[in-house]
C-alpha atoms as a PDB file:
ATOM      1  CA  UNK A   1       0.000   0.000   0.000  1.00  0.00           C
ATOM      2  CA  UNK A   2       1.371   3.372  -0.969  1.00  0.00           C
ATOM      3  CA  UNK A   3       1.100   6.451   1.186  1.00  0.00           C
ATOM      4  CA  UNK A   4       0.237   9.753  -0.436  1.00  0.00           C
ATOM      5  CA  UNK A   5       2.959  12.365  -0.543  1.00  0.00           C
ATOM      6  CA  UNK A   6       0.396  15.109  -1.093  1.00  0.00           C
ATOM      7  CA  UNK A   7      -3.091  15.448   0.368  1.00  0.00           C
ATOM      8  CA  UNK A   8      -5.972  14.163  -1.779  1.00  0.00           C
ATOM      9  CA  UNK A   9      -7.542  16.829  -3.974  1.00  0.00           C
ATOM     10  CA  UNK A  10     -11.293  17.258  -3.612  1.00  0.00           C
ATOM     11  CA  UNK A  11     -13.255  16.871  -6.853  1.00  0.00           C
ATOM     12  CA  UNK A  12     -14.911  20.268  -6.328  1.00  0.00           C
ATOM     13  CA  UNK A  13     -11.716  22.138  -5.428  1.00  0.00           C
ATOM     14  CA  UNK A  14     -10.075  24.362  -7.998  1.00  0.00           C
ATOM     15  CA  UNK A  15      -7.570  22.487 -10.125  1.00  0.00           C
ATOM     16  CA  UNK A  16      -3.949  22.719  -8.941  1.00  0.00           C
ATOM     17  CA  UNK A  17      -2.765  23.224 -12.546  1.00  0.00           C
ATOM     18  CA  UNK A  18      -4.019  26.811 -12.367  1.00  0.00           C
ATOM     19  CA  UNK A  19      -6.617  26.627 -15.122  1.00  0.00           C
ATOM     20  CA  UNK A  20      -9.336  28.040 -12.867  1.00  0.00           C
ATOM     21  CA  UNK A  21     -11.605  25.060 -13.568  1.00  0.00           C
ATOM     22  CA  UNK A  22     -12.807  22.610 -10.964  1.00  0.00           C
ATOM     23  CA  UNK A  23     -10.504  19.627 -10.555  1.00  0.00           C
ATOM     24  CA  UNK A  24     -13.243  17.204 -11.698  1.00  0.00           C
ATOM     25  CA  UNK A  25     -13.636  19.105 -15.008  1.00  0.00           C
ATOM     26  CA  UNK A  26      -9.911  19.509 -15.663  1.00  0.00           C
ATOM     27  CA  UNK A  27      -7.118  17.214 -14.517  1.00  0.00           C
ATOM     28  CA  UNK A  28      -9.167  14.506 -12.788  1.00  0.00           C
ATOM     29  CA  UNK A  29     -10.305  13.195 -16.162  1.00  0.00           C
ATOM     30  CA  UNK A  30      -6.722  13.088 -17.426  1.00  0.00           C
ATOM     31  CA  UNK A  31      -5.560  11.347 -14.265  1.00  0.00           C
ATOM     32  CA  UNK A  32      -8.318   8.723 -14.488  1.00  0.00           C
ATOM     33  CA  UNK A  33      -7.502   8.052 -18.158  1.00  0.00           C
ATOM     34  CA  UNK A  34      -3.831   7.649 -17.274  1.00  0.00           C
ATOM     35  CA  UNK A  35      -4.671   5.267 -14.413  1.00  0.00           C
ATOM     36  CA  UNK A  36      -6.923   3.220 -16.717  1.00  0.00           C
ATOM     37  CA  UNK A  37      -4.129   2.920 -19.297  1.00  0.00           C
ATOM     38  CA  UNK A  38      -1.666   1.869 -16.604  1.00  0.00           C
ATOM     39  CA  UNK A  39      -4.081  -0.785 -15.327  1.00  0.00           C
ATOM     40  CA  UNK A  40      -4.673  -2.101 -18.848  1.00  0.00           C
ATOM     41  CA  UNK A  41      -0.938  -2.293 -19.507  1.00  0.00           C
ATOM     42  CA  UNK A  42      -0.352  -4.103 -16.207  1.00  0.00           C
ATOM     43  CA  UNK A  43      -3.091  -6.634 -17.033  1.00  0.00           C
ATOM     44  CA  UNK A  44      -1.652  -7.209 -20.498  1.00  0.00           C
ATOM     45  CA  UNK A  45       1.804  -7.854 -19.042  1.00  0.00           C
ATOM     46  CA  UNK A  46       0.386 -10.284 -16.484  1.00  0.00           C
ATOM     47  CA  UNK A  47      -1.570 -12.054 -19.222  1.00  0.00           C
ATOM     48  CA  UNK A  48       1.524 -12.268 -21.434  1.00  0.00           C
ATOM     49  CA  UNK A  49       3.533 -13.658 -18.526  1.00  0.00           C
ATOM     50  CA  UNK A  50       0.866 -16.269 -17.758  1.00  0.00           C
ATOM     51  CA  UNK A  51       0.705 -17.242 -21.430  1.00  0.00           C
ATOM     52  CA  UNK A  52       4.493 -17.546 -21.581  1.00  0.00           C
ATOM     53  CA  UNK A  53       4.531 -19.642 -18.399  1.00  0.00           C
ATOM     54  CA  UNK A  54       1.843 -21.950 -19.815  1.00  0.00           C
ATOM     55  CA  UNK A  55       3.801 -22.305 -23.041  1.00  0.00           C
ATOM     56  CA  UNK A  56       6.935 -23.128 -21.088  1.00  0.00           C
ATOM     57  CA  UNK A  57       5.100 -25.771 -19.051  1.00  0.00           C
ATOM     58  CA  UNK A  58       3.556 -27.291 -22.195  1.00  0.00           C
ATOM     59  CA  UNK A  59       6.968 -27.367 -23.874  1.00  0.00           C
ATOM     60  CA  UNK A  60       8.478 -29.122 -20.845  1.00  0.00           C
ATOM     61  CA  UNK A  61       5.639 -31.666 -20.902  1.00  0.00           C
ATOM     62  CA  UNK A  62       6.262 -32.379 -24.594  1.00  0.00           C
ATOM     63  CA  UNK A  63       9.962 -32.872 -23.933  1.00  0.00           C
ATOM     64  CA  UNK A  64       9.206 -35.220 -21.034  1.00  0.00           C
ATOM     65  CA  UNK A  65       6.696 -37.186 -23.124  1.00  0.00           C
ATOM     66  CA  UNK A  66       9.140 -37.582 -26.001  1.00  0.00           C
ATOM     67  CA  UNK A  67      11.888 -38.634 -23.573  1.00  0.00           C
ATOM     68  CA  UNK A  68       9.612 -41.276 -22.049  1.00  0.00           C
ATOM     69  CA  UNK A  69       8.609 -42.540 -25.509  1.00  0.00           C
ATOM     70  CA  UNK A  70      12.260 -42.785 -26.470  1.00  0.00           C
ATOM     71  CA  UNK A  71      12.996 -44.844 -23.340  1.00  0.00           C
ATOM     72  CA  UNK A  72      10.078 -47.166 -24.054  1.00  0.00           C
ATOM     73  CA  UNK A  73      11.175 -47.569 -27.672  1.00  0.00           C
ATOM     74  CA  UNK A  74      14.756 -48.273 -26.614  1.00  0.00           C
ATOM     75  CA  UNK A  75      13.504 -50.767 -24.034  1.00  0.00           C
ATOM     76  CA  UNK A  76      11.434 -52.601 -26.657  1.00  0.00           C
ATOM     77  CA  UNK A  77      14.402 -52.723 -28.998  1.00  0.00           C
ATOM     78  CA  UNK A  78      16.554 -54.295 -26.306  1.00  0.00           C
ATOM     79  CA  UNK A  79      13.917 -56.952 -25.614  1.00  0.00           C
ATOM     80  CA  UNK A  80      13.548 -57.970 -29.275  1.00  0.00           C
ATOM     81  CA  UNK A  81      17.297 -58.230 -29.867  1.00  0.00           C
ATOM     82  CA  UNK A  82      17.797 -60.395 -26.780  1.00  0.00           C
ATOM     83  CA  UNK A  83      15.116 -62.931 -27.760  1.00  0.00           C
END
């Protein structure tokens, strides 16, 4: 949890940018849009990471499966040559 460095600005207070407008009609909208973009970017990164992790796990499973098949095949070859 982050602590605020500056006190929270009331929606009905005059905007600190000096435009003379109320904060809710000036910079609040910009700040909310920025926060929404940041949240979307964070979600996309998390989704990409999860997708990459799933791909890595699936790749490891394929490698393990092929290794097991190779062992079984080698084991069958040894049995037929010994008989």
